N, C-alpha and C. Protein backbone atom coordinates (compact mmCIF):
# COMPACT_ATOMS: atom_id res chain seq x y z
N MET A 1 133.55 -8.42 95.26
CA MET A 1 132.76 -8.79 94.11
C MET A 1 131.98 -10.08 94.34
N LYS A 2 132.61 -11.03 95.06
CA LYS A 2 131.96 -12.32 95.30
C LYS A 2 130.69 -12.14 96.14
N LYS A 3 130.69 -11.18 97.04
CA LYS A 3 129.49 -10.93 97.86
C LYS A 3 128.30 -10.57 96.98
N PHE A 4 128.53 -9.74 95.96
CA PHE A 4 127.45 -9.34 95.06
C PHE A 4 126.97 -10.51 94.22
N GLN A 5 127.86 -11.40 93.81
CA GLN A 5 127.47 -12.58 93.05
C GLN A 5 126.62 -13.51 93.90
N VAL A 6 127.02 -13.71 95.15
CA VAL A 6 126.25 -14.57 96.06
C VAL A 6 124.88 -13.96 96.32
N LEU A 7 124.82 -12.65 96.56
CA LEU A 7 123.54 -11.98 96.78
C LEU A 7 122.65 -12.08 95.54
N GLY A 8 123.26 -11.98 94.36
CA GLY A 8 122.50 -12.11 93.11
C GLY A 8 121.93 -13.52 92.96
N LEU A 9 122.72 -14.53 93.28
CA LEU A 9 122.23 -15.90 93.21
C LEU A 9 121.10 -16.15 94.21
N ILE A 10 121.23 -15.62 95.41
CA ILE A 10 120.17 -15.77 96.41
C ILE A 10 118.89 -15.08 95.94
N ALA A 11 119.01 -13.89 95.40
CA ALA A 11 117.83 -13.16 94.90
C ALA A 11 117.17 -13.91 93.76
N ALA A 12 117.97 -14.45 92.85
CA ALA A 12 117.41 -15.22 91.73
C ALA A 12 116.71 -16.47 92.23
N SER A 13 117.30 -17.11 93.23
CA SER A 13 116.69 -18.32 93.81
C SER A 13 115.35 -18.00 94.45
N ILE A 14 115.28 -16.90 95.18
CA ILE A 14 114.03 -16.50 95.84
C ILE A 14 112.97 -16.17 94.80
N MET A 15 113.34 -15.47 93.74
CA MET A 15 112.37 -15.12 92.70
C MET A 15 111.88 -16.38 91.99
N THR A 16 112.77 -17.34 91.72
CA THR A 16 112.37 -18.59 91.07
C THR A 16 111.42 -19.36 91.97
N THR A 17 111.72 -19.43 93.26
CA THR A 17 110.86 -20.14 94.21
C THR A 17 109.50 -19.47 94.29
N ALA A 18 109.47 -18.14 94.31
CA ALA A 18 108.18 -17.43 94.37
C ALA A 18 107.35 -17.69 93.13
N THR A 19 107.99 -17.71 91.97
CA THR A 19 107.27 -18.01 90.73
C THR A 19 106.73 -19.43 90.75
N PHE A 20 107.55 -20.37 91.20
CA PHE A 20 107.13 -21.78 91.28
C PHE A 20 105.94 -21.92 92.21
N ALA A 21 105.98 -21.28 93.37
CA ALA A 21 104.90 -21.40 94.35
C ALA A 21 103.60 -20.80 93.83
N ALA A 22 103.68 -19.71 93.07
CA ALA A 22 102.47 -19.05 92.58
C ALA A 22 101.74 -19.91 91.54
N GLU A 23 102.47 -20.72 90.76
CA GLU A 23 101.86 -21.49 89.68
C GLU A 23 101.49 -22.91 90.10
N PHE A 24 101.85 -23.30 91.29
CA PHE A 24 101.75 -24.70 91.69
C PHE A 24 100.61 -24.93 92.68
N SER A 25 99.97 -26.08 92.57
CA SER A 25 98.98 -26.49 93.56
C SER A 25 99.16 -27.97 93.84
N PHE A 26 98.69 -28.41 94.98
CA PHE A 26 98.86 -29.81 95.37
C PHE A 26 97.65 -30.64 94.97
N ASP A 27 97.90 -31.93 94.72
CA ASP A 27 96.84 -32.86 94.37
C ASP A 27 96.45 -33.77 95.54
N ARG A 28 97.14 -33.70 96.63
CA ARG A 28 96.86 -34.49 97.83
C ARG A 28 96.56 -35.95 97.49
N PRO A 29 97.53 -36.82 97.72
CA PRO A 29 97.32 -38.24 97.42
C PRO A 29 96.05 -38.78 98.07
N GLY A 30 95.31 -39.59 97.32
CA GLY A 30 94.09 -40.19 97.85
C GLY A 30 92.90 -39.26 97.86
N SER A 31 93.03 -38.07 97.29
CA SER A 31 91.94 -37.09 97.30
C SER A 31 91.74 -36.58 95.88
N GLY A 32 90.92 -35.55 95.73
CA GLY A 32 90.68 -34.96 94.41
C GLY A 32 91.92 -34.26 93.89
N ILE A 33 91.88 -33.87 92.63
CA ILE A 33 93.03 -33.19 92.02
C ILE A 33 92.79 -31.70 91.95
N GLY A 34 93.87 -30.95 91.87
CA GLY A 34 93.80 -29.52 91.64
C GLY A 34 94.00 -29.23 90.16
N THR A 35 93.90 -27.98 89.79
CA THR A 35 94.05 -27.63 88.38
C THR A 35 95.47 -27.16 88.05
N GLY A 36 96.33 -27.03 89.06
CA GLY A 36 97.70 -26.60 88.83
C GLY A 36 98.57 -27.71 88.25
N ILE A 37 99.55 -27.31 87.46
CA ILE A 37 100.48 -28.23 86.82
C ILE A 37 101.88 -27.93 87.34
N THR A 38 102.65 -28.97 87.63
CA THR A 38 104.03 -28.79 88.07
C THR A 38 104.84 -28.22 86.90
N PRO A 39 105.60 -27.15 87.14
CA PRO A 39 106.39 -26.54 86.06
C PRO A 39 107.44 -27.51 85.51
N VAL A 40 107.79 -27.32 84.25
CA VAL A 40 108.81 -28.15 83.60
C VAL A 40 110.11 -28.05 84.39
N GLY A 41 110.73 -29.19 84.60
CA GLY A 41 112.01 -29.22 85.30
C GLY A 41 111.89 -29.27 86.81
N HIS A 42 110.70 -29.23 87.35
CA HIS A 42 110.50 -29.31 88.80
C HIS A 42 109.90 -30.67 89.16
N LEU A 43 110.19 -31.11 90.38
CA LEU A 43 109.66 -32.36 90.89
C LEU A 43 108.94 -32.07 92.20
N ALA A 44 107.73 -32.56 92.32
CA ALA A 44 106.97 -32.39 93.57
C ALA A 44 106.72 -33.77 94.16
N TRP A 45 107.05 -33.91 95.44
CA TRP A 45 106.80 -35.15 96.16
C TRP A 45 105.70 -34.84 97.16
N GLU A 46 104.55 -35.45 96.97
CA GLU A 46 103.41 -35.22 97.84
C GLU A 46 103.19 -36.48 98.68
N GLN A 47 103.45 -36.33 99.96
CA GLN A 47 103.31 -37.45 100.89
C GLN A 47 102.08 -37.19 101.75
N GLY A 48 101.07 -38.03 101.59
CA GLY A 48 99.87 -37.86 102.39
C GLY A 48 100.08 -38.35 103.81
N LEU A 49 99.42 -37.70 104.75
CA LEU A 49 99.41 -38.23 106.11
C LEU A 49 98.69 -39.56 106.07
N PRO A 50 99.01 -40.46 106.99
CA PRO A 50 98.33 -41.76 106.94
C PRO A 50 96.80 -41.60 106.95
N SER A 51 96.17 -42.27 105.99
CA SER A 51 94.71 -42.30 105.93
C SER A 51 94.22 -43.36 106.91
N VAL A 52 93.17 -43.04 107.62
CA VAL A 52 92.61 -43.97 108.59
C VAL A 52 91.18 -44.28 108.19
N SER A 53 90.84 -45.57 108.18
CA SER A 53 89.44 -45.93 107.98
C SER A 53 89.06 -46.95 109.05
N TYR A 54 87.85 -46.81 109.54
CA TYR A 54 87.34 -47.68 110.59
C TYR A 54 85.95 -48.15 110.17
N GLN A 55 85.77 -49.45 110.16
CA GLN A 55 84.46 -50.01 109.81
C GLN A 55 84.02 -50.93 110.93
N GLU A 56 82.75 -50.81 111.27
CA GLU A 56 82.19 -51.64 112.32
C GLU A 56 80.84 -52.15 111.85
N GLY A 57 80.56 -53.40 112.13
CA GLY A 57 79.30 -53.99 111.72
C GLY A 57 79.01 -55.26 112.49
N ILE A 58 77.93 -55.90 112.13
CA ILE A 58 77.53 -57.15 112.76
C ILE A 58 77.55 -58.25 111.69
N VAL A 59 78.32 -59.30 111.94
CA VAL A 59 78.40 -60.44 111.04
C VAL A 59 78.01 -61.68 111.83
N ASP A 60 76.96 -62.36 111.40
CA ASP A 60 76.44 -63.55 112.10
C ASP A 60 76.15 -63.25 113.57
N GLY A 61 75.62 -62.07 113.85
CA GLY A 61 75.25 -61.70 115.21
C GLY A 61 76.42 -61.30 116.09
N VAL A 62 77.63 -61.22 115.53
CA VAL A 62 78.82 -60.87 116.31
C VAL A 62 79.42 -59.58 115.75
N LYS A 63 79.88 -58.70 116.69
CA LYS A 63 80.48 -57.43 116.27
C LYS A 63 81.78 -57.67 115.51
N ASP A 64 81.95 -56.93 114.43
CA ASP A 64 83.07 -57.06 113.50
C ASP A 64 83.70 -55.67 113.33
N LYS A 65 85.03 -55.52 113.57
CA LYS A 65 85.70 -54.21 113.46
C LYS A 65 86.94 -54.33 112.59
N THR A 66 87.13 -53.35 111.72
CA THR A 66 88.33 -53.30 110.88
C THR A 66 88.90 -51.89 110.93
N LEU A 67 90.19 -51.78 111.29
CA LEU A 67 90.91 -50.51 111.33
C LEU A 67 92.05 -50.59 110.31
N THR A 68 92.12 -49.61 109.41
CA THR A 68 93.14 -49.62 108.36
C THR A 68 93.89 -48.29 108.35
N LEU A 69 95.22 -48.35 108.23
CA LEU A 69 96.08 -47.17 108.08
C LEU A 69 96.91 -47.35 106.83
N ASN A 70 96.99 -46.32 106.00
CA ASN A 70 97.92 -46.36 104.87
C ASN A 70 98.39 -44.97 104.51
N GLY A 71 99.60 -44.90 103.94
CA GLY A 71 100.21 -43.62 103.57
C GLY A 71 100.47 -43.53 102.09
N ASP A 72 99.63 -42.78 101.36
CA ASP A 72 99.79 -42.60 99.92
C ASP A 72 100.91 -41.62 99.62
N MET A 73 101.51 -41.76 98.46
CA MET A 73 102.48 -40.77 98.00
C MET A 73 102.32 -40.55 96.49
N LEU A 74 102.74 -39.38 96.04
CA LEU A 74 102.61 -39.02 94.63
C LEU A 74 103.83 -38.18 94.22
N LEU A 75 104.47 -38.58 93.11
CA LEU A 75 105.54 -37.80 92.52
C LEU A 75 105.00 -37.15 91.25
N ARG A 76 105.23 -35.84 91.10
CA ARG A 76 104.76 -35.11 89.93
C ARG A 76 105.92 -34.33 89.32
N THR A 77 106.00 -34.35 87.98
CA THR A 77 107.02 -33.56 87.31
C THR A 77 106.46 -32.99 86.01
N GLY A 78 106.86 -31.79 85.70
CA GLY A 78 106.40 -31.14 84.47
C GLY A 78 107.13 -31.69 83.25
N LEU A 79 106.37 -32.10 82.24
CA LEU A 79 106.94 -32.61 80.99
C LEU A 79 107.01 -31.53 79.93
N ALA A 80 105.98 -30.70 79.88
CA ALA A 80 105.89 -29.60 78.91
C ALA A 80 104.99 -28.54 79.54
N ASP A 81 104.87 -27.41 78.88
CA ASP A 81 104.00 -26.36 79.39
C ASP A 81 102.56 -26.87 79.47
N GLY A 82 102.00 -26.95 80.68
CA GLY A 82 100.63 -27.41 80.87
C GLY A 82 100.45 -28.92 80.89
N LEU A 83 101.55 -29.69 80.98
CA LEU A 83 101.46 -31.15 81.00
C LEU A 83 102.42 -31.71 82.05
N GLU A 84 101.92 -32.63 82.87
CA GLU A 84 102.78 -33.25 83.88
C GLU A 84 102.59 -34.76 83.93
N LEU A 85 103.62 -35.43 84.42
CA LEU A 85 103.60 -36.87 84.65
C LEU A 85 103.41 -37.10 86.14
N GLN A 86 102.53 -38.05 86.49
CA GLN A 86 102.31 -38.39 87.89
C GLN A 86 102.61 -39.87 88.11
N LEU A 87 103.41 -40.16 89.12
CA LEU A 87 103.70 -41.52 89.54
C LEU A 87 103.26 -41.64 90.99
N GLY A 88 102.36 -42.57 91.26
CA GLY A 88 101.82 -42.70 92.62
C GLY A 88 102.00 -44.09 93.19
N TRP A 89 101.84 -44.16 94.50
CA TRP A 89 101.91 -45.43 95.21
C TRP A 89 100.94 -45.36 96.38
N GLN A 90 100.10 -46.37 96.53
CA GLN A 90 99.15 -46.38 97.64
C GLN A 90 99.82 -46.68 98.96
N GLY A 91 101.09 -46.96 98.93
CA GLY A 91 101.93 -46.99 100.10
C GLY A 91 101.82 -48.21 100.99
N PRO A 92 102.53 -48.13 102.13
CA PRO A 92 102.45 -49.21 103.10
C PRO A 92 101.08 -49.19 103.79
N VAL A 93 100.57 -50.38 104.09
CA VAL A 93 99.24 -50.50 104.70
C VAL A 93 99.34 -51.39 105.94
N TRP A 94 98.66 -51.00 106.99
CA TRP A 94 98.54 -51.82 108.20
C TRP A 94 97.04 -51.96 108.49
N GLN A 95 96.61 -53.17 108.82
CA GLN A 95 95.19 -53.42 109.08
C GLN A 95 95.01 -54.33 110.29
N GLN A 96 94.04 -53.97 111.12
CA GLN A 96 93.69 -54.80 112.28
C GLN A 96 92.21 -55.19 112.16
N TYR A 97 91.96 -56.48 112.29
CA TYR A 97 90.61 -57.03 112.15
C TYR A 97 90.24 -57.73 113.46
N LYS A 98 89.09 -57.35 114.04
CA LYS A 98 88.61 -57.98 115.27
C LYS A 98 87.24 -58.59 115.00
N HIS A 99 87.10 -59.88 115.40
CA HIS A 99 85.83 -60.58 115.22
C HIS A 99 85.73 -61.68 116.28
N ALA A 100 84.66 -61.67 117.02
CA ALA A 100 84.35 -62.71 118.02
C ALA A 100 85.51 -62.94 118.98
N GLY A 101 86.12 -61.88 119.47
CA GLY A 101 87.20 -62.01 120.45
C GLY A 101 88.56 -62.32 119.88
N THR A 102 88.66 -62.52 118.58
CA THR A 102 89.96 -62.76 117.96
C THR A 102 90.44 -61.50 117.25
N LYS A 103 91.74 -61.34 117.22
CA LYS A 103 92.33 -60.16 116.59
C LYS A 103 93.39 -60.62 115.59
N LYS A 104 93.34 -60.08 114.38
CA LYS A 104 94.31 -60.41 113.33
C LYS A 104 94.88 -59.11 112.77
N GLU A 105 96.20 -59.04 112.70
CA GLU A 105 96.87 -57.88 112.12
C GLU A 105 97.59 -58.30 110.85
N THR A 106 97.46 -57.49 109.81
CA THR A 106 98.17 -57.72 108.55
C THR A 106 98.80 -56.42 108.08
N ASN A 107 99.84 -56.52 107.28
CA ASN A 107 100.44 -55.33 106.68
C ASN A 107 100.99 -55.71 105.32
N GLY A 108 101.21 -54.71 104.51
CA GLY A 108 101.73 -54.96 103.15
C GLY A 108 101.82 -53.67 102.37
N LEU A 109 101.84 -53.80 101.06
CA LEU A 109 102.01 -52.67 100.16
C LEU A 109 100.83 -52.54 99.22
N GLY A 110 100.49 -51.30 98.86
CA GLY A 110 99.38 -51.03 97.95
C GLY A 110 99.82 -50.96 96.51
N ASP A 111 98.89 -50.64 95.63
CA ASP A 111 99.10 -50.57 94.18
C ASP A 111 99.88 -49.31 93.78
N VAL A 112 100.37 -49.29 92.55
CA VAL A 112 101.05 -48.12 91.99
C VAL A 112 100.20 -47.52 90.88
N SER A 113 100.47 -46.27 90.54
CA SER A 113 99.71 -45.62 89.47
C SER A 113 100.62 -44.75 88.61
N ILE A 114 100.17 -44.53 87.38
CA ILE A 114 100.87 -43.63 86.46
C ILE A 114 99.80 -42.81 85.74
N GLY A 115 100.06 -41.52 85.59
CA GLY A 115 99.06 -40.67 84.95
C GLY A 115 99.67 -39.48 84.24
N LEU A 116 98.90 -38.91 83.33
CA LEU A 116 99.25 -37.67 82.65
C LEU A 116 98.16 -36.65 82.96
N LYS A 117 98.58 -35.47 83.40
CA LYS A 117 97.63 -34.41 83.74
C LYS A 117 97.88 -33.23 82.80
N LYS A 118 96.80 -32.73 82.20
CA LYS A 118 96.88 -31.65 81.22
C LYS A 118 96.01 -30.48 81.66
N ALA A 119 96.59 -29.30 81.69
CA ALA A 119 95.83 -28.08 81.98
C ALA A 119 95.09 -27.67 80.72
N ILE A 120 93.84 -27.28 80.88
CA ILE A 120 93.02 -26.82 79.76
C ILE A 120 92.92 -25.30 79.85
N ASN A 121 93.33 -24.61 78.80
CA ASN A 121 93.31 -23.15 78.79
C ASN A 121 91.89 -22.66 78.50
N LEU A 122 91.25 -22.07 79.49
CA LEU A 122 89.90 -21.53 79.33
C LEU A 122 89.91 -20.03 79.05
N LYS A 123 91.10 -19.46 78.92
CA LYS A 123 91.27 -18.02 78.64
C LYS A 123 90.52 -17.15 79.65
N ASP A 124 90.65 -17.55 80.92
CA ASP A 124 90.01 -16.83 82.03
C ASP A 124 90.98 -16.85 83.21
N ASP A 125 91.23 -15.70 83.81
CA ASP A 125 92.17 -15.63 84.93
C ASP A 125 91.62 -16.31 86.18
N ARG A 126 90.33 -16.38 86.33
CA ARG A 126 89.73 -16.94 87.55
C ARG A 126 89.27 -18.38 87.41
N LEU A 127 88.97 -18.82 86.20
CA LEU A 127 88.44 -20.16 85.96
C LEU A 127 89.53 -21.03 85.35
N THR A 128 89.85 -22.16 86.01
CA THR A 128 90.89 -23.07 85.53
C THR A 128 90.34 -24.49 85.45
N MET A 129 90.97 -25.31 84.59
CA MET A 129 90.51 -26.69 84.40
C MET A 129 91.70 -27.58 84.10
N ALA A 130 91.61 -28.85 84.51
CA ALA A 130 92.64 -29.84 84.21
C ALA A 130 91.99 -31.21 84.04
N LEU A 131 92.63 -32.05 83.21
CA LEU A 131 92.20 -33.43 82.99
C LEU A 131 93.35 -34.36 83.38
N LEU A 132 93.03 -35.49 84.03
CA LEU A 132 94.02 -36.47 84.42
C LEU A 132 93.60 -37.83 83.90
N ALA A 133 94.44 -38.42 83.04
CA ALA A 133 94.25 -39.80 82.58
C ALA A 133 95.21 -40.66 83.39
N GLU A 134 94.68 -41.68 84.06
CA GLU A 134 95.48 -42.43 85.02
C GLU A 134 95.21 -43.92 84.92
N ALA A 135 96.24 -44.71 85.18
CA ALA A 135 96.11 -46.17 85.29
C ALA A 135 96.65 -46.58 86.66
N ILE A 136 95.82 -47.29 87.43
CA ILE A 136 96.26 -47.85 88.71
C ILE A 136 96.56 -49.32 88.43
N ILE A 137 97.82 -49.67 88.59
CA ILE A 137 98.29 -51.01 88.25
C ILE A 137 98.26 -51.88 89.51
N ALA A 138 97.58 -53.01 89.43
CA ALA A 138 97.38 -53.90 90.58
C ALA A 138 98.67 -54.65 90.91
N THR A 139 99.57 -53.99 91.65
CA THR A 139 100.85 -54.58 92.01
C THR A 139 100.98 -54.81 93.51
N GLY A 140 99.98 -54.44 94.29
CA GLY A 140 100.07 -54.54 95.74
C GLY A 140 99.90 -55.97 96.24
N ASN A 141 100.14 -56.13 97.54
CA ASN A 141 99.93 -57.43 98.18
C ASN A 141 98.46 -57.82 98.10
N ASP A 142 98.19 -59.13 98.17
CA ASP A 142 96.84 -59.65 97.96
C ASP A 142 95.77 -58.94 98.77
N GLU A 143 96.03 -58.64 100.03
CA GLU A 143 95.01 -58.00 100.88
C GLU A 143 94.80 -56.53 100.55
N PHE A 144 95.76 -55.91 99.85
CA PHE A 144 95.73 -54.45 99.68
C PHE A 144 95.78 -54.02 98.22
N THR A 145 95.32 -54.84 97.33
CA THR A 145 95.32 -54.51 95.91
C THR A 145 93.89 -54.45 95.39
N ASN A 146 93.70 -53.82 94.25
CA ASN A 146 92.39 -53.79 93.60
C ASN A 146 92.15 -55.05 92.78
N GLN A 147 93.10 -55.97 92.76
CA GLN A 147 93.05 -57.24 92.01
C GLN A 147 93.20 -57.03 90.51
N ASP A 148 92.55 -56.06 89.94
CA ASP A 148 92.64 -55.76 88.50
C ASP A 148 93.07 -54.30 88.33
N ASP A 149 93.66 -54.00 87.18
CA ASP A 149 94.05 -52.62 86.88
C ASP A 149 92.80 -51.76 86.75
N ILE A 150 92.93 -50.47 87.12
CA ILE A 150 91.83 -49.51 87.02
C ILE A 150 92.31 -48.37 86.12
N TYR A 151 91.49 -48.01 85.14
CA TYR A 151 91.79 -46.90 84.24
C TYR A 151 90.78 -45.80 84.50
N SER A 152 91.26 -44.57 84.61
CA SER A 152 90.34 -43.49 84.97
C SER A 152 90.62 -42.22 84.19
N LEU A 153 89.59 -41.39 84.11
CA LEU A 153 89.68 -40.04 83.57
C LEU A 153 89.03 -39.12 84.59
N THR A 154 89.82 -38.14 85.05
CA THR A 154 89.36 -37.22 86.08
C THR A 154 89.42 -35.80 85.54
N SER A 155 88.40 -35.01 85.84
CA SER A 155 88.42 -33.59 85.47
C SER A 155 88.23 -32.75 86.72
N ALA A 156 88.88 -31.60 86.73
CA ALA A 156 88.74 -30.66 87.84
C ALA A 156 88.54 -29.27 87.26
N VAL A 157 87.60 -28.54 87.85
CA VAL A 157 87.34 -27.15 87.47
C VAL A 157 87.37 -26.33 88.74
N ALA A 158 88.09 -25.22 88.71
CA ALA A 158 88.22 -24.36 89.89
C ALA A 158 87.89 -22.92 89.51
N TYR A 159 87.26 -22.22 90.45
CA TYR A 159 86.95 -20.81 90.25
C TYR A 159 87.46 -20.03 91.45
N LYS A 160 88.22 -18.97 91.20
CA LYS A 160 88.81 -18.15 92.25
C LYS A 160 88.01 -16.86 92.36
N PHE A 161 87.20 -16.76 93.43
CA PHE A 161 86.39 -15.56 93.65
C PHE A 161 87.25 -14.38 94.03
N SER A 162 88.23 -14.62 94.90
CA SER A 162 89.14 -13.57 95.36
C SER A 162 90.43 -14.26 95.81
N ASP A 163 91.35 -13.49 96.38
CA ASP A 163 92.59 -14.09 96.87
C ASP A 163 92.34 -15.03 98.04
N LEU A 164 91.23 -14.86 98.74
CA LEU A 164 90.93 -15.68 99.92
C LEU A 164 89.87 -16.75 99.68
N VAL A 165 89.04 -16.58 98.66
CA VAL A 165 87.91 -17.49 98.47
C VAL A 165 87.94 -18.10 97.07
N GLY A 166 87.83 -19.43 97.03
CA GLY A 166 87.77 -20.15 95.77
C GLY A 166 86.97 -21.43 95.95
N THR A 167 86.57 -22.02 94.86
CA THR A 167 85.82 -23.27 94.92
C THR A 167 86.24 -24.15 93.74
N SER A 168 86.04 -25.44 93.89
CA SER A 168 86.37 -26.35 92.79
C SER A 168 85.51 -27.60 92.88
N ILE A 169 85.45 -28.31 91.76
CA ILE A 169 84.72 -29.57 91.71
C ILE A 169 85.57 -30.56 90.91
N THR A 170 85.57 -31.80 91.37
CA THR A 170 86.31 -32.87 90.69
C THR A 170 85.34 -33.96 90.31
N MET A 171 85.44 -34.45 89.08
CA MET A 171 84.61 -35.57 88.62
C MET A 171 85.54 -36.65 88.12
N ARG A 172 85.21 -37.92 88.45
CA ARG A 172 86.08 -39.04 88.10
C ARG A 172 85.26 -40.17 87.48
N TYR A 173 85.74 -40.68 86.37
CA TYR A 173 85.14 -41.85 85.73
C TYR A 173 86.22 -42.91 85.71
N GLU A 174 85.88 -44.12 86.19
CA GLU A 174 86.87 -45.19 86.17
C GLU A 174 86.26 -46.50 85.73
N ALA A 175 87.09 -47.35 85.14
CA ALA A 175 86.68 -48.67 84.69
C ALA A 175 87.73 -49.68 85.14
N GLN A 176 87.24 -50.84 85.60
CA GLN A 176 88.15 -51.86 86.09
C GLN A 176 88.04 -53.08 85.22
């Protein structure tokens, strides 16, 4: 009898996981948002690969180079049907600055964010929409913070042409 109970639990677990995967989409830290909402009672940890930025220019006739690496992360959890809470962190940052033969390396921590994301019901199986109200709180180290808090409103609209082809657009308004 225990074998059947274990098989039943495994089958229920697989069906729950399949349902969760079908309704869920990723927001990719540091990038645009998707229209999917994390189901109630689930937690999603989205860890971005380190972002790399490289800037090169001429300052006072001398070549100037800056290389920056940072790893964003985002925790998402469903609060209610169609509503989720997002807690983010711009993560650890490493930066190398080269100017006139000198090299300076710095590292530290970035800012944190909190947001609420709401799915908008458009009554269409192919067209989806979501809104994200977010506050980025300037808590990072001096070199890696925005200095002031940033408040934003982001909207995303996605259209699914088929199982293989879809498109979306994200618009963001922010004030500092």
